[in-house]
Amino acid sequence: YRERAAKKLKELEGADELAEDLENELADIRIQMKAAAAKITKKRRDAAKMLEQKVTGELAFLDMAKVRFHIEVTPLPDFSAAGADKIGFLVSTNPGEPLLPLSKIASGGELSRVMLSLKALSAERAAIPSMVFDEIDTGISGRTAQVVAQKMWDIARYRQVICVTHLQQIAAMATRHYLIQKAENNGRTNTSVTELTGEARVRELARMLSGVSENSESGLAHARTMLSEAQAYREKQ
């Protein structure tokens, strides 16, 4: 007991000195942190310039040729869990418009394409074996839908891609097509997943094209053409 009491007394009597030592140690650590943070900030800014160019190129392919994309690296007054910088994505989707935060000005279709661009670039390096896209087609149609489908296939060259979609262009580009259906059975909702091949896939694409009928001759002919063109694109890549 005497030994414990003596140790406690020594700690109490030297509290001011201990506090001063800790403050000095903390000051040294902050100097080291600032030096490390400055190096990270420089690396982030260098990487941001390269990523800006690559994302802009991807967006041009995705039918956003006039877009301006900028990554803003802003020093913080103090450290955060992410370091000493605040990272912001700024974008101008129309000529003559200023760069503004992506989250405030981009439409659903534009956000989908920016995300797809980032995923396409990360797929070349990331170790994630599979990527899941849930309705990446939000807010897009026509030619844009076609180039998004092509970009999805480009990603699939590096990773397994699973995509939930309502667009026929994206469905046609896939190597495998599954139909997901919900039905009520004895008061419960059941979900079924069926792989579509051959004529069944053609008919489902025709239904997606028309919105109603899977037996339209023009719809069936269009579906076969889409599958043929998608296969030609995949083989070319």
Protein backbone atom coordinates (compact mmCIF):
# COMPACT_ATOMS: atom_id res chain seq x y z
CA TYR A 1 0.00 0.00 0.00
CA ARG A 2 2.83 2.37 0.89
CA GLU A 3 4.43 1.83 -2.52
CA ARG A 4 1.16 2.52 -4.33
CA ALA A 5 0.51 5.63 -2.27
CA ALA A 6 4.04 6.93 -2.88
CA LYS A 7 3.64 6.43 -6.64
CA LYS A 8 0.30 8.25 -6.62
CA LEU A 9 1.74 11.11 -4.58
CA LYS A 10 4.64 11.48 -6.99
CA GLU A 11 2.21 11.65 -9.95
CA LEU A 12 0.13 14.33 -8.21
CA GLU A 13 3.14 16.43 -7.24
CA GLY A 14 4.54 16.24 -10.78
CA ALA A 15 1.23 16.83 -12.58
CA ASP A 16 2.20 20.27 -13.90
CA GLU A 17 5.52 19.00 -15.21
CA LEU A 18 3.83 15.97 -16.78
CA ALA A 19 1.23 18.20 -18.44
CA GLU A 20 3.98 20.41 -19.86
CA ASP A 21 5.82 17.37 -21.23
CA LEU A 22 2.62 16.14 -22.87
CA GLU A 23 1.95 19.55 -24.40
CA ASN A 24 5.45 19.63 -25.87
CA GLU A 25 5.04 16.10 -27.21
CA LEU A 26 1.69 17.05 -28.74
CA ALA A 27 3.24 20.12 -30.37
CA ASP A 28 5.98 17.96 -31.92
CA ILE A 29 3.38 15.51 -33.20
CA ARG A 30 1.34 18.30 -34.78
CA ILE A 31 4.47 19.57 -36.58
CA GLN A 32 5.02 16.07 -37.95
CA MET A 33 1.34 15.81 -38.93
CA LYS A 34 1.46 19.14 -40.77
CA ALA A 35 4.53 18.04 -42.73
CA ALA A 36 2.87 14.73 -43.65
CA ALA A 37 -0.40 16.49 -44.52
CA ALA A 38 1.42 18.93 -46.81
CA LYS A 39 2.90 16.01 -48.75
CA ILE A 40 -0.53 14.36 -49.01
CA THR A 41 -2.10 17.63 -50.18
CA LYS A 42 0.45 17.91 -52.98
CA LYS A 43 -0.12 14.30 -54.03
CA ARG A 44 -3.89 14.84 -53.96
CA ARG A 45 -3.63 17.93 -56.16
CA ASP A 46 -1.36 16.13 -58.64
CA ALA A 47 -3.72 13.15 -58.71
CA ALA A 48 -6.74 15.47 -59.04
CA LYS A 49 -5.33 16.99 -62.24
CA MET A 50 -4.88 13.57 -63.82
CA LEU A 51 -8.30 12.39 -62.68
CA GLU A 52 -9.95 15.55 -64.04
CA GLN A 53 -8.55 14.83 -67.50
CA LYS A 54 -9.55 11.17 -67.42
CA VAL A 55 -13.08 11.83 -66.13
CA THR A 56 -13.58 14.57 -68.72
CA GLY A 57 -12.55 12.11 -71.43
CA GLU A 58 -14.94 9.47 -70.10
CA LEU A 59 -17.79 11.98 -69.94
CA ALA A 60 -17.11 13.07 -73.52
CA PHE A 61 -17.56 9.45 -74.58
CA LEU A 62 -20.79 9.35 -72.54
CA ASP A 63 -22.31 12.18 -74.60
CA MET A 64 -21.21 15.07 -72.34
CA ALA A 65 -18.67 16.61 -74.71
CA LYS A 66 -19.02 20.17 -73.37
CA VAL A 67 -18.70 19.31 -69.70
CA ARG A 68 -16.03 20.84 -67.45
CA PHE A 69 -15.02 18.78 -64.42
CA HIS A 70 -12.82 20.06 -61.60
CA ILE A 71 -11.64 18.54 -58.32
CA GLU A 72 -11.17 21.18 -55.65
CA VAL A 73 -8.65 20.44 -52.87
CA THR A 74 -9.16 22.99 -50.08
CA PRO A 75 -6.96 23.05 -46.93
CA LEU A 76 -8.89 22.79 -43.66
CA PRO A 77 -8.15 24.99 -40.61
CA ASP A 78 -7.56 21.84 -38.57
CA PHE A 79 -7.17 18.09 -39.07
CA SER A 80 -10.12 15.82 -39.77
CA ALA A 81 -10.49 12.06 -40.08
CA ALA A 82 -9.70 12.46 -43.80
CA GLY A 83 -6.61 14.59 -43.24
CA ALA A 84 -6.10 18.32 -43.69
CA ASP A 85 -8.06 18.76 -46.94
CA LYS A 86 -11.65 19.05 -48.07
CA ILE A 87 -12.28 17.45 -51.48
CA GLY A 88 -15.06 18.73 -53.72
CA PHE A 89 -16.24 17.75 -57.21
CA LEU A 90 -17.25 20.76 -59.29
CA VAL A 91 -18.89 20.57 -62.68
CA SER A 92 -20.23 22.78 -65.46
CA THR A 93 -22.52 20.81 -67.76
CA ASN A 94 -23.31 23.63 -70.19
CA PRO A 95 -21.00 26.09 -72.00
CA GLY A 96 -20.78 29.47 -70.29
CA GLU A 97 -21.98 28.18 -66.93
CA PRO A 98 -19.71 28.46 -63.84
CA LEU A 99 -18.25 25.48 -62.02
CA LEU A 100 -20.53 24.53 -59.14
CA PRO A 101 -20.75 21.57 -56.73
CA LEU A 102 -21.78 18.42 -58.57
CA SER A 103 -24.48 17.55 -56.03
CA LYS A 104 -26.27 20.87 -56.56
CA ILE A 105 -26.51 21.24 -60.34
CA ALA A 106 -26.26 17.82 -61.99
CA SER A 107 -29.41 16.07 -63.16
CA GLY A 108 -30.09 12.40 -62.43
CA GLY A 109 -28.71 11.36 -65.81
CA GLU A 110 -25.60 13.50 -65.40
CA LEU A 111 -24.93 12.13 -61.93
CA SER A 112 -25.28 8.60 -63.29
CA ARG A 113 -22.71 9.28 -65.98
CA VAL A 114 -20.22 10.93 -63.61
CA MET A 115 -20.49 7.93 -61.29
CA LEU A 116 -20.08 5.55 -64.23
CA SER A 117 -16.98 7.45 -65.36
CA LEU A 118 -15.40 7.12 -61.91
CA LYS A 119 -16.32 3.43 -61.73
CA ALA A 120 -14.89 2.82 -65.19
CA LEU A 121 -11.57 4.36 -64.18
CA SER A 122 -11.42 2.56 -60.84
CA ALA A 123 -12.23 -0.78 -62.51
CA GLU A 124 -8.85 -0.66 -64.24
CA ARG A 125 -7.01 -0.65 -60.91
CA ALA A 126 -9.26 -1.64 -58.00
CA ALA A 127 -9.07 -5.18 -56.65
CA ILE A 128 -12.86 -5.48 -56.30
CA PRO A 129 -13.84 -8.49 -58.46
CA SER A 130 -17.48 -7.49 -59.02
CA MET A 131 -19.39 -4.24 -59.48
CA VAL A 132 -23.14 -3.84 -59.02
CA PHE A 133 -25.00 -0.99 -60.73
CA ASP A 134 -28.59 -0.42 -59.63
CA GLU A 135 -30.45 1.45 -62.39
CA ILE A 136 -27.46 3.33 -63.77
CA ASP A 137 -29.81 4.32 -66.59
CA THR A 138 -31.71 6.87 -64.46
CA GLY A 139 -32.54 9.93 -66.55
CA ILE A 140 -30.98 8.72 -69.83
CA SER A 141 -32.30 7.38 -73.13
CA GLY A 142 -31.54 7.16 -76.84
CA ARG A 143 -27.93 7.61 -77.92
CA THR A 144 -26.79 8.28 -74.37
CA ALA A 145 -28.22 4.93 -73.28
CA GLN A 146 -26.26 3.22 -76.05
CA VAL A 147 -22.91 4.75 -75.08
CA VAL A 148 -23.59 3.96 -71.40
CA ALA A 149 -24.20 0.34 -72.42
CA GLN A 150 -20.90 0.31 -74.30
CA LYS A 151 -19.09 1.76 -71.29
CA MET A 152 -20.62 -0.92 -69.07
CA TRP A 153 -19.13 -3.54 -71.37
CA ASP A 154 -15.76 -1.79 -71.23
CA ILE A 155 -15.83 -2.13 -67.43
CA ALA A 156 -16.83 -5.79 -67.78
CA ARG A 157 -13.52 -6.45 -69.52
CA TYR A 158 -11.85 -5.95 -66.11
CA ARG A 159 -14.57 -6.92 -63.62
CA GLN A 160 -17.77 -8.88 -63.34
CA VAL A 161 -20.62 -6.39 -63.81
CA ILE A 162 -24.14 -6.94 -62.49
CA CYS A 163 -26.62 -4.29 -63.59
CA VAL A 164 -30.28 -3.76 -62.73
CA THR A 165 -31.81 -1.93 -65.68
CA HIS A 166 -35.02 -1.04 -67.49
CA LEU A 167 -33.27 0.05 -70.69
CA GLN A 168 -33.15 -2.30 -73.64
CA GLN A 169 -29.78 -0.95 -74.85
CA ILE A 170 -28.07 -1.97 -71.61
CA ALA A 171 -29.91 -5.30 -71.39
CA ALA A 172 -28.91 -6.16 -74.98
CA MET A 173 -25.23 -5.48 -74.32
CA ALA A 174 -25.00 -8.01 -71.48
CA THR A 175 -23.62 -11.49 -72.05
CA ARG A 176 -26.34 -12.89 -69.76
CA HIS A 177 -29.87 -11.59 -69.29
CA TYR A 178 -32.01 -12.40 -66.24
CA LEU A 179 -35.67 -11.47 -65.84
CA ILE A 180 -36.71 -10.57 -62.29
CA GLN A 181 -40.43 -10.80 -61.56
CA LYS A 182 -42.59 -10.37 -58.48
CA ALA A 183 -45.88 -12.21 -57.95
CA GLU A 184 -48.29 -12.65 -55.07
CA ASN A 185 -48.82 -16.20 -53.83
CA ASN A 186 -51.08 -16.99 -50.87
CA GLY A 187 -50.82 -13.45 -49.58
CA ARG A 188 -47.03 -13.34 -49.85
CA THR A 189 -44.88 -11.63 -52.49
CA ASN A 190 -42.44 -13.98 -54.19
CA THR A 191 -39.56 -12.93 -56.42
CA SER A 192 -38.36 -15.14 -59.25
CA VAL A 193 -35.19 -14.85 -61.34
CA THR A 194 -35.12 -16.50 -64.77
CA GLU A 195 -32.22 -16.55 -67.21
CA LEU A 196 -33.38 -15.62 -70.70
CA THR A 197 -31.76 -17.17 -73.73
CA GLY A 198 -32.55 -17.49 -77.42
CA GLU A 199 -36.03 -16.45 -78.44
CA ALA A 200 -37.10 -15.73 -74.85
CA ARG A 201 -34.48 -13.00 -74.65
CA VAL A 202 -35.54 -11.57 -77.99
CA ARG A 203 -39.17 -11.40 -76.81
CA GLU A 204 -38.24 -9.71 -73.53
CA LEU A 205 -36.23 -7.06 -75.36
CA ALA A 206 -39.17 -6.55 -77.72
CA ARG A 207 -41.44 -6.06 -74.69
CA MET A 208 -38.96 -3.55 -73.22
CA LEU A 209 -38.98 -1.70 -76.53
CA SER A 210 -42.75 -1.52 -76.87
CA GLY A 211 -43.62 -1.35 -73.21
CA VAL A 212 -46.57 -3.71 -73.74
CA SER A 213 -46.34 -6.42 -76.38
CA GLU A 214 -43.61 -8.99 -76.89
CA ASN A 215 -45.08 -10.22 -80.18
CA SER A 216 -44.76 -7.12 -82.34
CA GLU A 217 -42.97 -8.07 -85.55
CA SER A 218 -41.20 -4.73 -85.71
CA GLY A 219 -40.25 -5.01 -82.03
CA LEU A 220 -38.90 -8.55 -82.51
CA ALA A 221 -36.90 -7.47 -85.56
CA HIS A 222 -35.49 -4.49 -83.66
CA ALA A 223 -34.59 -6.71 -80.68
CA ARG A 224 -32.69 -9.14 -82.94
CA THR A 225 -30.84 -6.23 -84.51
CA MET A 226 -29.87 -4.85 -81.09
CA LEU A 227 -28.52 -8.23 -79.96
CA SER A 228 -26.56 -8.61 -83.18
CA GLU A 229 -25.05 -5.13 -82.89
CA ALA A 230 -24.21 -5.67 -79.21
CA GLN A 231 -22.44 -8.92 -80.01
CA ALA A 232 -20.48 -7.21 -82.80
CA TYR A 233 -19.39 -4.47 -80.38
CA ARG A 234 -18.29 -6.98 -77.72
CA GLU A 235 -16.27 -8.98 -80.24
CA LYS A 236 -14.63 -5.82 -81.58
CA GLN A 237 -13.41 -4.87 -78.12
